[in-house]
Amino acid sequence: MALLAGEAEDGKPLHDNFCMGCHVSVVGGDGGEIYLRENRNVKTIEGLMGAVDFCNDQAKTGLNDYELDDIVAYLNETYYQFDTD
């Protein structure tokens, strides 16, 4: 059974709507550099899951667990490519 329960295609619009504004303000550009920077904080799939949960709490977006799973799946597919099997 795969570790990720979310759907990446459902996570992209959630990510774009709820995450990118903050990330643009932090790193500039299109905000994607936050995932690609050499000194990024996220180094494991569990770390990614925790970071998405932390951001949800800090930004008070009110996203539910299913939506967070979708965002994690999108970020992993797009930027991280952690093994999830």
C-alpha atoms as a PDB file:
ATOM      1  CA  MET A   1       0.000   0.000   0.000  1.00  0.00           C
ATOM      2  CA  ALA A   2       1.353   3.399  -0.936  1.00  0.00           C
ATOM      3  CA  LEU A   3       2.075   5.903   1.808  1.00  0.00           C
ATOM      4  CA  LEU A   4       0.328   8.758  -0.001  1.00  0.00           C
ATOM      5  CA  ALA A   5      -3.448   8.729  -0.059  1.00  0.00           C
ATOM      6  CA  GLY A   6      -3.944  11.991  -1.953  1.00  0.00           C
ATOM      7  CA  GLU A   7      -4.467  12.803  -5.605  1.00  0.00           C
ATOM      8  CA  ALA A   8      -1.851  15.116  -7.134  1.00  0.00           C
ATOM      9  CA  GLU A   9      -4.241  16.538  -9.736  1.00  0.00           C
ATOM     10  CA  ASP A  10      -6.614  17.608  -6.958  1.00  0.00           C
ATOM     11  CA  GLY A  11      -3.738  19.044  -4.928  1.00  0.00           C
ATOM     12  CA  LYS A  12      -2.462  21.486  -7.553  1.00  0.00           C
ATOM     13  CA  PRO A  13      -5.400  23.937  -7.432  1.00  0.00           C
ATOM     14  CA  LEU A  14      -5.456  23.756  -3.630  1.00  0.00           C
ATOM     15  CA  HIS A  15      -1.721  24.417  -3.519  1.00  0.00           C
ATOM     16  CA  ASP A  16      -1.951  27.289  -5.993  1.00  0.00           C
ATOM     17  CA  ASN A  17      -4.833  28.872  -4.099  1.00  0.00           C
ATOM     18  CA  PHE A  18      -3.747  28.379  -0.505  1.00  0.00           C
ATOM     19  CA  CYS A  19       0.065  28.057  -0.521  1.00  0.00           C
ATOM     20  CA  MET A  20       1.663  30.075  -3.282  1.00  0.00           C
ATOM     21  CA  GLY A  21       0.810  33.550  -1.998  1.00  0.00           C
ATOM     22  CA  CYS A  22       2.811  32.971   1.159  1.00  0.00           C
ATOM     23  CA  HIS A  23       5.649  31.234  -0.678  1.00  0.00           C
ATOM     24  CA  VAL A  24       5.930  34.117  -3.166  1.00  0.00           C
ATOM     25  CA  SER A  25       6.183  36.547  -0.252  1.00  0.00           C
ATOM     26  CA  VAL A  26       8.942  34.426   1.331  1.00  0.00           C
ATOM     27  CA  VAL A  27      11.131  33.565  -1.676  1.00  0.00           C
ATOM     28  CA  GLY A  28       9.797  35.749  -4.496  1.00  0.00           C
ATOM     29  CA  GLY A  29       9.390  34.744  -8.107  1.00  0.00           C
ATOM     30  CA  ASP A  30       6.698  32.139  -8.615  1.00  0.00           C
ATOM     31  CA  GLY A  31       7.188  30.734  -5.084  1.00  0.00           C
ATOM     32  CA  GLY A  32       8.400  27.350  -6.347  1.00  0.00           C
ATOM     33  CA  GLU A  33      11.970  28.073  -5.311  1.00  0.00           C
ATOM     34  CA  ILE A  34      10.977  27.252  -1.735  1.00  0.00           C
ATOM     35  CA  TYR A  35      10.848  23.593  -2.802  1.00  0.00           C
ATOM     36  CA  LEU A  36      13.967  23.653  -4.955  1.00  0.00           C
ATOM     37  CA  ARG A  37      16.418  25.569  -2.792  1.00  0.00           C
ATOM     38  CA  GLU A  38      19.577  23.744  -1.810  1.00  0.00           C
ATOM     39  CA  ASN A  39      19.019  24.239   1.926  1.00  0.00           C
ATOM     40  CA  ARG A  40      15.366  23.158   1.921  1.00  0.00           C
ATOM     41  CA  ASN A  41      13.982  21.833   5.182  1.00  0.00           C
ATOM     42  CA  VAL A  42      11.988  18.918   3.758  1.00  0.00           C
ATOM     43  CA  LYS A  43      14.116  15.817   3.233  1.00  0.00           C
ATOM     44  CA  THR A  44      11.626  12.936   3.594  1.00  0.00           C
ATOM     45  CA  ILE A  45       8.008  12.208   2.716  1.00  0.00           C
ATOM     46  CA  GLU A  46       7.170  12.348   6.410  1.00  0.00           C
ATOM     47  CA  GLY A  47       8.853  15.736   6.595  1.00  0.00           C
ATOM     48  CA  LEU A  48       6.769  16.922   3.658  1.00  0.00           C
ATOM     49  CA  MET A  49       3.588  15.732   5.331  1.00  0.00           C
ATOM     50  CA  GLY A  50       4.557  17.563   8.512  1.00  0.00           C
ATOM     51  CA  ALA A  51       5.473  20.749   6.645  1.00  0.00           C
ATOM     52  CA  VAL A  52       2.136  20.849   4.826  1.00  0.00           C
ATOM     53  CA  ASP A  53       0.301  20.285   8.112  1.00  0.00           C
ATOM     54  CA  PHE A  54       2.386  22.999   9.808  1.00  0.00           C
ATOM     55  CA  CYS A  55       1.660  25.495   7.028  1.00  0.00           C
ATOM     56  CA  ASN A  56      -2.047  24.704   7.195  1.00  0.00           C
ATOM     57  CA  ASP A  57      -2.018  25.452  10.922  1.00  0.00           C
ATOM     58  CA  GLN A  58       0.107  28.593  10.618  1.00  0.00           C
ATOM     59  CA  ALA A  59      -1.826  30.070   7.689  1.00  0.00           C
ATOM     60  CA  LYS A  60      -5.136  29.026   9.237  1.00  0.00           C
ATOM     61  CA  THR A  61      -6.386  27.840   5.856  1.00  0.00           C
ATOM     62  CA  GLY A  62      -8.793  25.320   7.365  1.00  0.00           C
ATOM     63  CA  LEU A  63      -7.966  22.618   4.832  1.00  0.00           C
ATOM     64  CA  ASN A  64      -9.136  19.134   5.810  1.00  0.00           C
ATOM     65  CA  ASP A  65      -6.992  15.990   5.928  1.00  0.00           C
ATOM     66  CA  TYR A  66      -8.054  14.880   2.435  1.00  0.00           C
ATOM     67  CA  GLU A  67      -7.092  18.240   0.953  1.00  0.00           C
ATOM     68  CA  LEU A  68      -3.749  18.162   2.765  1.00  0.00           C
ATOM     69  CA  ASP A  69      -3.117  14.667   1.390  1.00  0.00           C
ATOM     70  CA  ASP A  70      -3.830  15.988  -2.107  1.00  0.00           C
ATOM     71  CA  ILE A  71      -1.359  18.851  -1.634  1.00  0.00           C
ATOM     72  CA  VAL A  72       1.315  16.465  -0.351  1.00  0.00           C
ATOM     73  CA  ALA A  73       0.761  14.194  -3.372  1.00  0.00           C
ATOM     74  CA  TYR A  74       1.030  17.182  -5.735  1.00  0.00           C
ATOM     75  CA  LEU A  75       4.211  18.504  -4.120  1.00  0.00           C
ATOM     76  CA  ASN A  76       5.812  15.091  -4.073  1.00  0.00           C
ATOM     77  CA  GLU A  77       4.984  14.414  -7.713  1.00  0.00           C
ATOM     78  CA  THR A  78       6.026  17.894  -8.870  1.00  0.00           C
ATOM     79  CA  TYR A  79       9.075  18.719  -6.751  1.00  0.00           C
ATOM     80  CA  TYR A  80      10.304  16.007  -4.390  1.00  0.00           C
ATOM     81  CA  GLN A  81       9.788  12.529  -5.880  1.00  0.00           C
ATOM     82  CA  PHE A  82      10.190  10.742  -2.558  1.00  0.00           C
ATOM     83  CA  ASP A  83       9.623   6.991  -2.658  1.00  0.00           C
ATOM     84  CA  THR A  84       6.147   6.322  -1.248  1.00  0.00           C
ATOM     85  CA  ASP A  85       5.795   2.551  -1.618  1.00  0.00           C
END
